[in-house]
Structures are given as structure tokens and as C-alpha cells.
Amino acid sequence: MKKSLLFFALILSSFIVISCVEDEWDEDLTDTASADTQPSGDTAPADPSDTGDTVPADPTTDPTDPTTDPTNPTTDPTNPTTDPTTDPTTDPTDPTTDPTTDPTNPAPVECTGFSIVPESFTYDPLTYTYHADISDILGDEQLKDELRFEFPASDPVVKSYDLDSYNNQNYHTCTECVRVFQDIQNGTPKKQYFQKGGTLNIEETDSIHGIKGSLTADLMEVTIKSDNEGDHSVPVTNGACFKIETLLFDNLCVPDCEGKICGPDGCGGTCGGCQGENEGCSADQTECVTYECAQTTINSLSFAGTKSQLNINKFFYNSSFKKGDSGNINYFWLRIDGLSMVKETDLATMKFLENCKGTTSQGDITPGFPESDSVCFYIEDKSDGNRFYFPNQGTINISEITKVADNKANISATLSGIRLVETDTATGIAVAGGKCLEITNETLSYTAE
């Protein structure tokens, strides 16, 4: 019995000891958590050299640790360095990141189309250019806008031209060139546009440079810069543009022969010819009538020059005279191309557009101007509406062409039955109801002094 009581007393005392130890350990933990390394109740500052049995703060769980403190700006989700709504590197309203305001990514330029004035579509043979007025207002409503097709290499033919071909990518080298001139003042546009791509479709042409077709193109604003090599088109950065889906054009000439039997048809052809002796077409082109020709005597020849593009064997002679009893002064021109023209030439076979292309004195130097083995024989009346007369009958028999100093040449020729009729220099066709001159000279000659 006594042994049992003793055993129970020993067990009870061991529980009392364990309880005291646990209370003391809890106090140490509480003191450590408050950064006090002294026993519970001791307020002395912590000794940094004291390594007692205190437990250091766990940085992964200590709420005051700056790496875990939710108010720490490095971890606070509202911190502007990490908050995507305030971070300037990702803020869509920031002009440095907003793609709608980024200067390196500008808003695309809207390209527009336009219409032309159909009846304004014309051809300029001196520059090989087709012009058409633009009916829409591209800029200043008081100034003219114009569409231009240029064919500097050759006349257009029926085909589709690729405006994006290698040569056509710059105005300097283009063989089919499309431009738009905006706000033309004194012949100079404020802006101009050149093709970037597209197709120029020529469906039909006629003999006096009429064309019919369509245009699909992108035209970008450019400046034209000139150097020793010529004119170059340079795109304008962020310039304006035109996008032409389908633009139709047509300036084909429509022949006008209704009620007519002779004379020109207005399109480079004729409504018929007059075959009788000394006959020509009446002014209204309804009948063939006998020419009433004025008799003309050519004065002595003078040497006018040796203007030439390709050779120096081109000689111009001229003279002046009065037509009949009138006070009008006329000018006679004779041009000989080539020393081999020592022979007789039937002037009825001479074609103005082939032998004398040009409308000024000395025959002019225009593209297509013949350079050798031809005769150009005409009279120019500047005082009478600037009329031109070309032979439709007669012969010139050249017996001598001798070159002398200063590229001059002596000439001797015999004339026979030469009649010249008033001619339209644009078509080379006799003017209906026009005037007529007959040369009375039997010989012409020039000898260098």
C-alpha cells in the first residue's frame, strides 16, 4: 500500500516540473518575438554580442520584414512600379507606348479618287502629253487641277502598261508616266503626284493621237528634283495620295463626213478627194471646185542656214515676195536634205508630215523631222493669218548642190508647173476652200559670195 502511494507521488511531481519548463520556454519565445533578448520583464536593450538561446526572426514569416511586408513598395500590388494601370512602360494612355500616338507609327493616310472632265481630254504633240481637267476639288477651289499621261519614248499603242515596272517607278526613267497636278498657278502646281503602281489600259487609238482606255493606279505626292541627268521624282514623307479604282478616258476623234464628199474628215483622213485638173474641195466640202490660184514669182534666193540634228548636209534657202497685187509679204522656203538630191522630184508625192514636219520658218526641228534625202518646199504667209502652202503638183529638178565655205552650198534648179495649196499643218491635208498659189519661176539658184 505504501509503495503504491510513493509511486503516485513521484509521477505527480514530474508533471509539476515539466509544466514549469514549458511556461519558461513560452516566455522566452514571447520576449524574442518582441526583439527583447532579456528574460521576460527585462527592458534592457538587446546586446548584439549576446548569442543566447534566442530564436532569430524568420524573414519568411516576419510581417515587419520588408521583403514580405504587404505595404513594401517592392511587393505592394498598388506600387506604380508594378501596377500595370500606372506603369508608364505599359500604360496605354502614355504617348510613348500608345500605338495611336506613336510618332514612329503614324495613322495611315487616306487615299481618295477623282473624276475628270471628259471633254477636256486633249493631246499636246509637242510634249507627247495627254491632259484632262479634274472635276473634283483637290485643294484650292479657285485653281485648276489636271491629270496627265506622258509617253516620252513613243506614241501609245493598244496594250496594258504596267505602271509598277522598273522604269516606271521614277519620273526620270518612266516610259508611261501618270501624274496629277494640284492647284496650278502660272503653269506651276502647288503639289504633284506620281504613280506608285497600277495599270494604264489603252483600248483604242486613232491617227491624230486620240486614245481610249482606263486607268487603275496609286499616285503618291512627290517633288520633282532636277540635276544634270534630268528630272527625278522624290516621294514626300507622309504626303497625300490618290487611289484610282477605275478611271475611264476617251478622246478618240470622231470623223465628220455627213453630207460631205471631199476634204478632211477632222481626224486625219478625208471624206474624199477631187481628181479633176486644178480642182479642190469647196469650203463646205460638198463639191469639188476649180482652184482660183494667184500667180506668184519668187525673188532671188538667200542662204538661210544649215540647222540640223544629225548631219550638216542640210541646206535652207529662203526668199520673200508679194502675192499678186496685194501688200502681203510671203516667205518662200526650200530645204534640201542630202547631197544625193541632185535629181528631179515630183512634188505631188511630197507629204508635209513626212517631208516638212514643223510649222515655223526653216522647217522647224521637231521629232520625226526627216534628216536625209528629202525636199521640203513651202510658202509661209505670216501676214495673212499665218497660212502655209504646200505643193500638190509640179516638179523641181536640182542640177547642182555644191558645198562651199561655212557649210554653205550653191544650188541650181528648174521648176515646172508648181502649184501650192493652203494646208492644215496639224494634219497635212489641204484646207477645204483654201487658197492657192502658182509659181511662175522656171529656175531658182543661189551662189555663195
Protein backbone atom coordinates (compact mmCIF):
# COMPACT_ATOMS: atom_id res chain seq x y z
CA MET A 1 0.00 0.00 0.00
CA LYS A 2 2.79 2.38 0.97
CA LYS A 3 4.62 1.50 -2.22
CA SER A 4 1.64 2.44 -4.28
CA LEU A 5 1.35 5.87 -2.63
CA LEU A 6 5.04 6.57 -3.15
CA PHE A 7 4.82 5.74 -6.87
CA PHE A 8 1.84 8.08 -7.35
CA ALA A 9 3.70 10.94 -5.61
CA LEU A 10 6.72 10.55 -7.90
CA ILE A 11 4.55 10.76 -11.06
CA LEU A 12 2.73 13.89 -9.79
CA SER A 13 5.99 15.72 -9.06
CA SER A 14 7.32 15.02 -12.58
CA PHE A 15 4.24 16.67 -14.17
CA ILE A 16 4.83 19.79 -12.00
CA VAL A 17 8.47 20.12 -13.26
CA ILE A 18 7.52 19.72 -16.94
CA SER A 19 4.81 22.38 -16.62
CA CYS A 20 7.28 24.91 -15.18
CA VAL A 21 9.76 24.32 -18.02
CA GLU A 22 7.07 24.81 -20.68
CA ASP A 23 5.97 28.11 -19.07
CA GLU A 24 9.56 29.40 -19.10
CA TRP A 25 10.06 28.40 -22.80
CA ASP A 26 6.85 30.22 -23.73
CA GLU A 27 8.10 33.37 -22.01
CA ASP A 28 11.39 33.22 -23.96
CA LEU A 29 9.52 32.90 -27.26
CA THR A 30 7.33 35.88 -26.34
CA ASP A 31 10.34 38.02 -25.43
CA THR A 32 12.16 37.07 -28.66
CA ALA A 33 9.16 37.95 -30.80
CA SER A 34 9.24 41.48 -29.32
CA ALA A 35 13.02 41.77 -30.20
CA ASP A 36 13.95 41.59 -26.41
CA THR A 37 16.69 39.04 -25.69
CA GLN A 38 16.48 39.53 -21.89
CA PRO A 39 14.35 37.28 -19.70
CA SER A 40 10.67 38.12 -19.50
CA GLY A 41 10.14 41.54 -17.89
CA ASP A 42 13.77 42.76 -18.52
CA THR A 43 13.64 46.01 -20.56
CA ALA A 44 17.37 46.41 -21.21
CA PRO A 45 18.29 46.76 -24.91
CA ALA A 46 19.41 43.68 -26.75
CA ASP A 47 23.15 43.02 -26.60
CA PRO A 48 24.39 42.44 -30.15
CA SER A 49 27.12 40.15 -28.80
CA ASP A 50 24.59 38.13 -26.90
CA THR A 51 24.01 34.90 -28.78
CA GLY A 52 21.93 33.35 -26.10
CA ASP A 53 19.38 30.84 -26.86
CA THR A 54 17.04 33.31 -28.56
CA VAL A 55 15.44 32.33 -31.88
CA PRO A 56 16.05 34.91 -34.71
CA ALA A 57 13.12 36.38 -36.62
CA ASP A 58 12.08 34.26 -39.56
CA PRO A 59 12.28 36.54 -42.63
CA THR A 60 9.78 34.44 -44.50
CA THR A 61 7.12 34.94 -41.86
CA ASP A 62 8.00 38.16 -40.04
CA PRO A 63 5.35 40.69 -41.11
CA THR A 64 7.81 43.56 -40.48
CA ASP A 65 10.39 42.09 -42.91
CA PRO A 66 10.50 44.50 -45.93
CA THR A 67 10.58 41.55 -48.30
CA THR A 68 7.22 40.30 -47.04
CA ASP A 69 5.58 43.47 -45.78
CA PRO A 70 2.48 43.98 -47.97
CA THR A 71 3.00 47.75 -47.70
CA ASN A 72 6.54 47.44 -49.07
CA PRO A 73 6.60 49.30 -52.41
CA THR A 74 8.57 46.46 -53.98
CA THR A 75 5.76 43.99 -53.34
CA ASP A 76 2.68 46.18 -52.97
CA PRO A 77 0.47 45.42 -55.99
CA THR A 78 -0.62 49.08 -55.98
CA ASN A 79 3.01 50.19 -56.29
CA PRO A 80 3.34 52.17 -59.58
CA THR A 81 6.49 50.20 -60.42
CA THR A 82 4.45 47.02 -60.76
CA ASP A 83 0.87 48.24 -61.11
CA PRO A 84 0.08 47.83 -64.84
CA THR A 85 -2.51 50.61 -64.66
CA THR A 86 0.10 53.19 -63.61
CA ASP A 87 3.33 51.76 -65.01
CA PRO A 88 4.37 54.19 -67.81
CA THR A 89 6.06 51.38 -69.69
CA THR A 90 2.73 49.64 -70.17
CA ASP A 91 0.17 52.42 -69.67
CA PRO A 92 -1.83 52.52 -72.93
CA THR A 93 -2.55 56.24 -72.40
CA ASP A 94 1.16 57.04 -72.24
CA PRO A 95 2.08 58.70 -75.60
CA THR A 96 5.37 56.79 -75.57
CA THR A 97 3.56 53.47 -75.66
CA ASP A 98 0.13 54.31 -77.11
CA PRO A 99 0.25 52.98 -80.72
CA THR A 100 -2.29 55.58 -81.86
CA THR A 101 0.03 58.47 -80.97
CA ASP A 102 3.44 56.88 -81.54
CA PRO A 103 5.25 59.21 -83.97
CA THR A 104 7.06 56.20 -85.44
CA ASN A 105 3.72 54.60 -86.27
CA PRO A 106 1.58 57.41 -87.78
CA ALA A 107 -2.02 56.92 -88.72
CA PRO A 108 -2.32 55.79 -92.37
CA VAL A 109 -3.06 58.48 -94.96
CA GLU A 110 -6.46 58.06 -96.59
CA CYS A 111 -6.16 57.98 -100.40
CA THR A 112 -9.06 59.36 -102.42
CA GLY A 113 -10.20 59.19 -106.02
CA PHE A 114 -11.37 61.80 -108.51
CA SER A 115 -13.21 62.29 -111.80
CA ILE A 116 -12.12 64.07 -114.97
CA VAL A 117 -13.93 66.42 -117.33
CA PRO A 118 -14.35 64.17 -120.43
CA GLU A 119 -14.48 66.97 -122.99
CA SER A 120 -11.22 68.43 -121.66
CA PHE A 121 -9.16 65.37 -122.63
CA THR A 122 -6.68 66.59 -125.28
CA TYR A 123 -3.28 65.74 -126.74
CA ASP A 124 -0.21 68.00 -126.93
CA PRO A 125 2.07 66.71 -129.74
CA LEU A 126 4.99 68.89 -128.66
CA THR A 127 5.29 67.20 -125.26
CA TYR A 128 3.62 63.84 -126.10
CA THR A 129 1.22 64.52 -123.25
CA TYR A 130 -2.49 63.88 -122.78
CA HIS A 131 -4.22 66.38 -120.49
CA ALA A 132 -7.56 66.20 -118.67
CA ASP A 133 -9.06 68.63 -116.20
CA ILE A 134 -10.08 67.11 -112.85
CA SER A 135 -13.66 67.93 -111.92
CA ASP A 136 -13.26 67.32 -108.17
CA ILE A 137 -11.68 70.00 -105.96
CA LEU A 138 -8.32 68.67 -104.74
CA GLY A 139 -7.15 71.82 -102.99
CA ASP A 140 -7.90 75.47 -103.73
CA GLU A 141 -11.27 75.64 -105.46
CA GLN A 142 -10.11 78.68 -107.42
CA LEU A 143 -7.18 76.86 -109.02
CA LYS A 144 -7.08 74.20 -111.71
CA ASP A 145 -6.18 70.52 -111.16
CA GLU A 146 -5.03 68.29 -114.01
CA LEU A 147 -4.36 64.66 -114.89
CA ARG A 148 -1.51 63.95 -117.33
CA PHE A 149 -0.41 60.89 -119.31
CA GLU A 150 3.03 61.16 -120.87
CA PHE A 151 4.60 58.82 -123.43
CA PRO A 152 8.14 60.23 -123.90
CA ALA A 153 9.54 57.14 -125.61
CA SER A 154 6.91 56.51 -128.31
CA ASP A 155 3.28 57.02 -129.19
CA PRO A 156 0.86 54.85 -127.17
CA VAL A 157 -0.35 51.61 -128.71
CA VAL A 158 -3.18 49.26 -127.82
CA LYS A 159 -1.90 47.35 -124.77
CA SER A 160 -1.81 47.33 -120.96
CA TYR A 161 1.07 49.29 -119.45
CA ASP A 162 2.41 48.24 -116.05
CA LEU A 163 2.97 51.41 -114.03
CA ASP A 164 4.97 49.44 -111.45
CA SER A 165 7.61 48.23 -113.92
CA TYR A 166 11.26 49.03 -113.14
CA ASN A 167 11.48 52.06 -115.45
CA ASN A 168 8.08 53.39 -114.40
CA GLN A 169 8.99 53.68 -110.72
CA ASN A 170 10.59 57.10 -111.21
CA TYR A 171 9.69 60.04 -113.41
CA HIS A 172 13.28 60.19 -114.67
CA THR A 173 13.03 56.82 -116.41
CA CYS A 174 9.30 56.27 -116.97
CA THR A 175 8.14 55.35 -120.46
CA GLU A 176 4.46 55.57 -119.46
CA CYS A 177 4.08 58.34 -116.91
CA VAL A 178 0.95 59.31 -114.99
CA ARG A 179 0.93 62.49 -112.92
CA VAL A 180 -1.60 64.68 -111.15
CA PHE A 181 -1.03 68.44 -110.83
CA GLN A 182 -2.86 70.15 -107.96
CA ASP A 183 -3.55 73.89 -107.70
CA ILE A 184 -1.88 75.02 -110.92
CA GLN A 185 -0.97 78.69 -110.93
CA ASN A 186 1.07 80.32 -113.70
CA GLY A 187 1.80 76.86 -115.07
CA THR A 188 3.24 75.57 -111.78
CA PRO A 189 1.38 73.19 -109.42
CA LYS A 190 1.43 73.57 -105.66
CA LYS A 191 1.54 69.77 -105.35
CA GLN A 192 2.08 66.96 -107.78
CA TYR A 193 1.64 63.22 -107.63
CA PHE A 194 3.36 60.37 -109.47
CA GLN A 195 2.40 56.75 -109.99
CA LYS A 196 3.38 54.16 -107.38
CA GLY A 197 1.68 51.31 -109.18
CA GLY A 198 -1.28 50.35 -111.30
CA THR A 199 -2.23 49.72 -114.91
CA LEU A 200 -2.79 52.07 -117.83
CA ASN A 201 -5.03 50.30 -120.33
CA ILE A 202 -5.09 51.61 -123.92
CA GLU A 203 -8.04 50.04 -125.75
CA GLU A 204 -8.04 52.09 -128.98
CA THR A 205 -6.05 54.82 -130.75
CA ASP A 206 -6.51 56.97 -133.83
CA SER A 207 -4.21 58.69 -136.33
CA ILE A 208 -4.20 62.08 -134.64
CA HIS A 209 -3.23 60.83 -131.20
CA GLY A 210 -6.62 60.05 -129.75
CA ILE A 211 -6.76 57.29 -127.14
CA LYS A 212 -9.46 55.42 -125.27
CA GLY A 213 -8.95 53.30 -122.19
CA SER A 214 -8.89 53.12 -118.42
CA LEU A 215 -6.56 53.80 -115.52
CA THR A 216 -6.12 51.96 -112.23
CA ALA A 217 -3.39 53.49 -110.10
CA ASP A 218 -1.95 54.61 -106.80
CA LEU A 219 -0.43 58.08 -107.02
CA MET A 220 1.78 59.41 -104.23
CA GLU A 221 2.79 63.00 -103.55
CA VAL A 222 6.28 63.76 -104.86
CA THR A 223 8.63 66.61 -105.56
CA ILE A 224 10.49 66.80 -108.86
CA LYS A 225 14.19 67.44 -108.41
CA SER A 226 16.40 68.25 -111.37
CA ASP A 227 20.08 67.53 -111.85
CA ASN A 228 22.47 67.08 -114.76
CA GLU A 229 20.76 63.80 -115.64
CA GLY A 230 17.22 65.18 -115.72
CA ASP A 231 14.10 65.29 -113.54
CA HIS A 232 13.66 62.77 -110.71
CA SER A 233 10.55 62.14 -108.61
CA VAL A 234 11.17 62.05 -104.84
CA PRO A 235 8.34 60.84 -102.54
CA VAL A 236 7.13 63.30 -99.89
CA THR A 237 7.24 61.81 -96.38
CA ASN A 238 3.67 61.32 -95.09
CA GLY A 239 2.45 63.04 -98.27
CA ALA A 240 -1.06 62.85 -99.67
CA CYS A 241 -2.14 60.23 -102.20
CA PHE A 242 -4.82 59.22 -104.67
CA LYS A 243 -6.17 55.72 -105.24
CA ILE A 244 -7.82 55.35 -108.62
CA GLU A 245 -10.00 52.25 -108.80
CA THR A 246 -11.17 52.73 -112.41
CA LEU A 247 -10.91 55.98 -114.34
CA LEU A 248 -12.24 55.98 -117.91
CA PHE A 249 -10.90 58.32 -120.59
CA ASP A 250 -11.64 58.81 -124.28
CA ASN A 251 -10.51 61.48 -126.72
CA LEU A 252 -10.83 59.45 -129.90
CA CYS A 253 -11.60 61.68 -132.83
CA VAL A 254 -14.99 61.09 -134.44
CA PRO A 255 -14.79 61.60 -138.24
CA ASP A 256 -17.24 64.19 -139.56
CA CYS A 257 -18.21 63.42 -143.16
CA GLU A 258 -22.00 63.64 -143.02
CA GLY A 259 -23.19 65.45 -146.14
CA LYS A 260 -19.60 65.89 -147.43
CA ILE A 261 -17.87 64.40 -150.49
CA CYS A 262 -14.34 65.75 -150.16
CA GLY A 263 -11.83 67.44 -147.88
CA PRO A 264 -10.63 66.46 -144.42
CA ASP A 265 -12.76 64.41 -142.03
CA GLY A 266 -11.33 66.16 -138.99
CA CYS A 267 -9.48 63.05 -137.80
CA GLY A 268 -6.50 62.89 -140.11
CA GLY A 269 -8.37 61.33 -143.01
CA THR A 270 -10.54 62.63 -145.83
CA CYS A 271 -14.14 62.46 -146.87
CA GLY A 272 -12.98 62.04 -150.44
CA GLY A 273 -10.65 63.65 -152.97
CA CYS A 274 -11.02 65.81 -156.08
CA GLN A 275 -9.44 64.29 -159.19
CA GLY A 276 -10.03 66.96 -161.83
CA GLU A 277 -7.39 69.31 -163.22
CA ASN A 278 -6.78 72.22 -160.83
CA GLU A 279 -9.65 71.07 -158.65
CA GLY A 280 -10.00 71.38 -154.93
CA CYS A 281 -12.73 70.95 -152.35
CA SER A 282 -15.20 73.73 -151.66
CA ALA A 283 -15.30 75.39 -148.26
CA ASP A 284 -18.41 73.44 -147.24
CA GLN A 285 -16.88 70.19 -148.63
CA THR A 286 -19.98 69.43 -150.65
CA GLU A 287 -18.39 69.73 -154.10
CA CYS A 288 -15.10 69.89 -155.99
CA VAL A 289 -14.35 73.29 -157.49
CA THR A 290 -11.63 74.68 -159.72
CA TYR A 291 -8.91 76.41 -157.77
CA GLU A 292 -8.57 80.12 -158.40
CA CYS A 293 -4.83 80.40 -157.91
CA ALA A 294 -2.84 83.60 -157.61
CA GLN A 295 0.26 83.87 -159.77
CA THR A 296 3.47 84.26 -157.76
CA THR A 297 7.06 84.98 -158.72
CA ILE A 298 9.79 84.04 -156.23
CA ASN A 299 12.58 86.58 -155.71
CA SER A 300 16.26 85.65 -155.67
CA LEU A 301 17.20 83.05 -153.06
CA SER A 302 19.20 83.75 -149.93
CA PHE A 303 21.04 81.20 -147.82
CA ALA A 304 19.18 80.73 -144.53
CA GLY A 305 21.38 78.26 -142.67
CA THR A 306 22.36 74.64 -142.06
CA LYS A 307 20.28 73.85 -138.99
CA SER A 308 20.43 70.11 -138.47
CA GLN A 309 20.14 67.48 -135.77
CA LEU A 310 22.21 64.69 -137.31
CA ASN A 311 24.26 65.98 -140.25
CA ILE A 312 25.49 69.15 -141.92
CA ASN A 313 24.23 68.25 -145.40
CA LYS A 314 21.01 70.15 -144.77
CA PHE A 315 20.63 73.50 -146.53
CA PHE A 316 17.89 76.11 -146.12
CA TYR A 317 17.13 78.73 -148.74
CA ASN A 318 14.54 81.45 -148.45
CA SER A 319 13.05 84.40 -150.26
CA SER A 320 10.31 86.97 -149.77
CA PHE A 321 7.75 88.21 -152.25
CA LYS A 322 4.39 89.84 -152.65
CA LYS A 323 1.39 87.78 -153.66
CA GLY A 324 -0.24 89.30 -156.75
CA ASP A 325 -1.03 92.96 -156.26
CA SER A 326 -1.60 92.66 -152.51
CA GLY A 327 0.68 94.23 -149.96
CA ASN A 328 1.05 90.93 -148.07
CA ILE A 329 4.61 89.67 -147.64
CA ASN A 330 5.13 85.97 -148.21
CA TYR A 331 8.14 83.83 -147.44
CA PHE A 332 9.34 81.02 -149.62
CA TRP A 333 11.35 78.18 -148.10
CA LEU A 334 13.28 75.43 -149.76
CA ARG A 335 15.09 72.83 -147.70
CA ILE A 336 17.36 70.23 -149.21
CA ASP A 337 18.39 67.22 -147.10
CA GLY A 338 21.35 65.32 -148.52
CA LEU A 339 23.71 65.90 -151.44
CA SER A 340 22.12 62.98 -153.30
CA MET A 341 19.08 65.12 -154.09
CA VAL A 342 20.64 66.16 -157.42
CA LYS A 343 17.71 64.81 -159.41
CA GLU A 344 14.12 65.58 -160.38
CA THR A 345 11.48 65.28 -157.67
CA ASP A 346 7.74 65.11 -158.24
CA LEU A 347 6.35 67.49 -155.62
CA ALA A 348 2.88 65.92 -155.89
CA THR A 349 4.33 62.99 -153.96
CA MET A 350 5.65 65.21 -151.19
CA LYS A 351 3.80 64.75 -147.89
CA PHE A 352 4.02 67.59 -145.43
CA LEU A 353 4.08 65.41 -142.32
CA GLU A 354 6.82 63.28 -143.84
CA ASN A 355 8.92 65.88 -145.65
CA CYS A 356 8.34 69.14 -143.80
CA LYS A 357 7.11 68.30 -140.32
CA GLY A 358 7.10 71.57 -138.44
CA THR A 359 5.24 74.86 -138.61
CA THR A 360 7.93 77.51 -138.34
CA SER A 361 10.48 79.03 -140.66
CA GLN A 362 13.35 76.79 -141.78
CA GLY A 363 11.08 73.79 -141.45
CA ASP A 364 11.44 73.61 -137.67
CA ILE A 365 13.28 70.87 -135.82
CA THR A 366 10.57 68.69 -134.35
CA PRO A 367 10.57 64.94 -133.57
CA GLY A 368 10.11 62.98 -136.76
CA PHE A 369 11.83 65.69 -138.80
CA PRO A 370 13.47 63.97 -141.82
CA GLU A 371 17.24 64.11 -141.79
CA SER A 372 18.36 62.98 -145.23
CA ASP A 373 17.35 62.52 -148.87
CA SER A 374 14.27 64.70 -148.98
CA VAL A 375 12.99 68.04 -150.27
CA CYS A 376 10.77 70.40 -148.33
CA PHE A 377 9.17 73.12 -150.48
CA TYR A 378 6.63 75.52 -148.99
CA ILE A 379 5.41 79.10 -148.71
CA GLU A 380 4.55 80.77 -145.42
CA ASP A 381 2.30 83.81 -145.31
CA LYS A 382 2.67 85.29 -141.84
CA SER A 383 0.80 88.44 -142.72
CA ASP A 384 -2.37 86.62 -143.79
CA GLY A 385 -3.39 84.59 -140.77
CA ASN A 386 -0.10 82.66 -140.82
CA ARG A 387 -1.18 80.42 -143.69
CA PHE A 388 1.01 77.67 -145.10
CA TYR A 389 1.05 76.46 -148.70
CA PHE A 390 2.45 73.12 -149.85
CA PRO A 391 2.75 71.65 -153.37
CA ASN A 392 0.10 69.33 -154.75
CA GLN A 393 1.58 69.33 -158.25
CA GLY A 394 4.76 70.24 -160.22
CA THR A 395 8.41 69.20 -160.23
CA ILE A 396 11.76 70.56 -159.09
CA ASN A 397 14.81 69.33 -160.95
CA ILE A 398 18.01 70.06 -158.98
CA SER A 399 21.05 70.10 -161.24
CA GLU A 400 23.65 71.21 -158.68
CA ILE A 401 24.30 71.17 -154.95
CA THR A 402 27.88 72.20 -154.21
CA LYS A 403 29.14 72.67 -150.68
CA VAL A 404 31.26 75.77 -150.11
CA ALA A 405 32.83 77.54 -147.13
CA ASP A 406 30.92 77.98 -143.90
CA ASN A 407 28.82 74.93 -144.73
CA LYS A 408 27.02 76.78 -147.47
CA ALA A 409 26.02 75.19 -150.74
CA ASN A 410 25.40 76.57 -154.21
CA ILE A 411 22.22 75.32 -155.84
CA SER A 412 20.63 75.37 -159.28
CA ALA A 413 17.14 74.03 -160.04
CA THR A 414 14.48 74.07 -162.72
CA LEU A 415 10.80 74.41 -161.78
CA SER A 416 7.83 73.19 -163.77
CA GLY A 417 4.09 73.67 -163.17
CA ILE A 418 4.34 74.09 -159.40
CA ARG A 419 1.09 74.80 -157.58
CA LEU A 420 0.81 75.08 -153.80
CA VAL A 421 -2.46 74.86 -151.86
CA GLU A 422 -3.26 76.03 -148.36
CA THR A 423 -2.62 73.17 -145.95
CA ASP A 424 -3.51 72.40 -142.33
CA THR A 425 -0.14 71.83 -140.64
CA ALA A 426 -1.69 69.67 -137.91
CA THR A 427 -2.99 67.09 -140.38
CA GLY A 428 -1.03 67.79 -143.56
CA ILE A 429 -4.32 67.92 -145.50
CA ALA A 430 -5.41 70.71 -147.84
CA VAL A 431 -7.78 73.21 -146.26
CA ALA A 432 -11.26 72.92 -147.76
CA GLY A 433 -11.98 76.05 -149.76
CA GLY A 434 -8.45 77.25 -149.04
CA LYS A 435 -6.26 79.49 -151.14
CA CYS A 436 -3.89 78.52 -153.92
CA LEU A 437 -0.61 79.86 -155.33
CA GLU A 438 1.08 79.04 -158.64
CA ILE A 439 4.78 79.76 -159.10
CA THR A 440 5.75 81.38 -162.35
CA ASN A 441 9.52 80.90 -161.95
CA GLU A 442 11.20 78.48 -164.33
CA THR A 443 14.50 78.42 -162.42
CA LEU A 444 15.86 79.04 -158.94
CA SER A 445 19.51 79.40 -158.00
CA TYR A 446 21.89 80.51 -155.24
CA THR A 447 25.63 81.22 -155.45
CA ALA A 448 27.68 81.90 -152.36
CA GLU A 449 29.56 85.21 -152.43
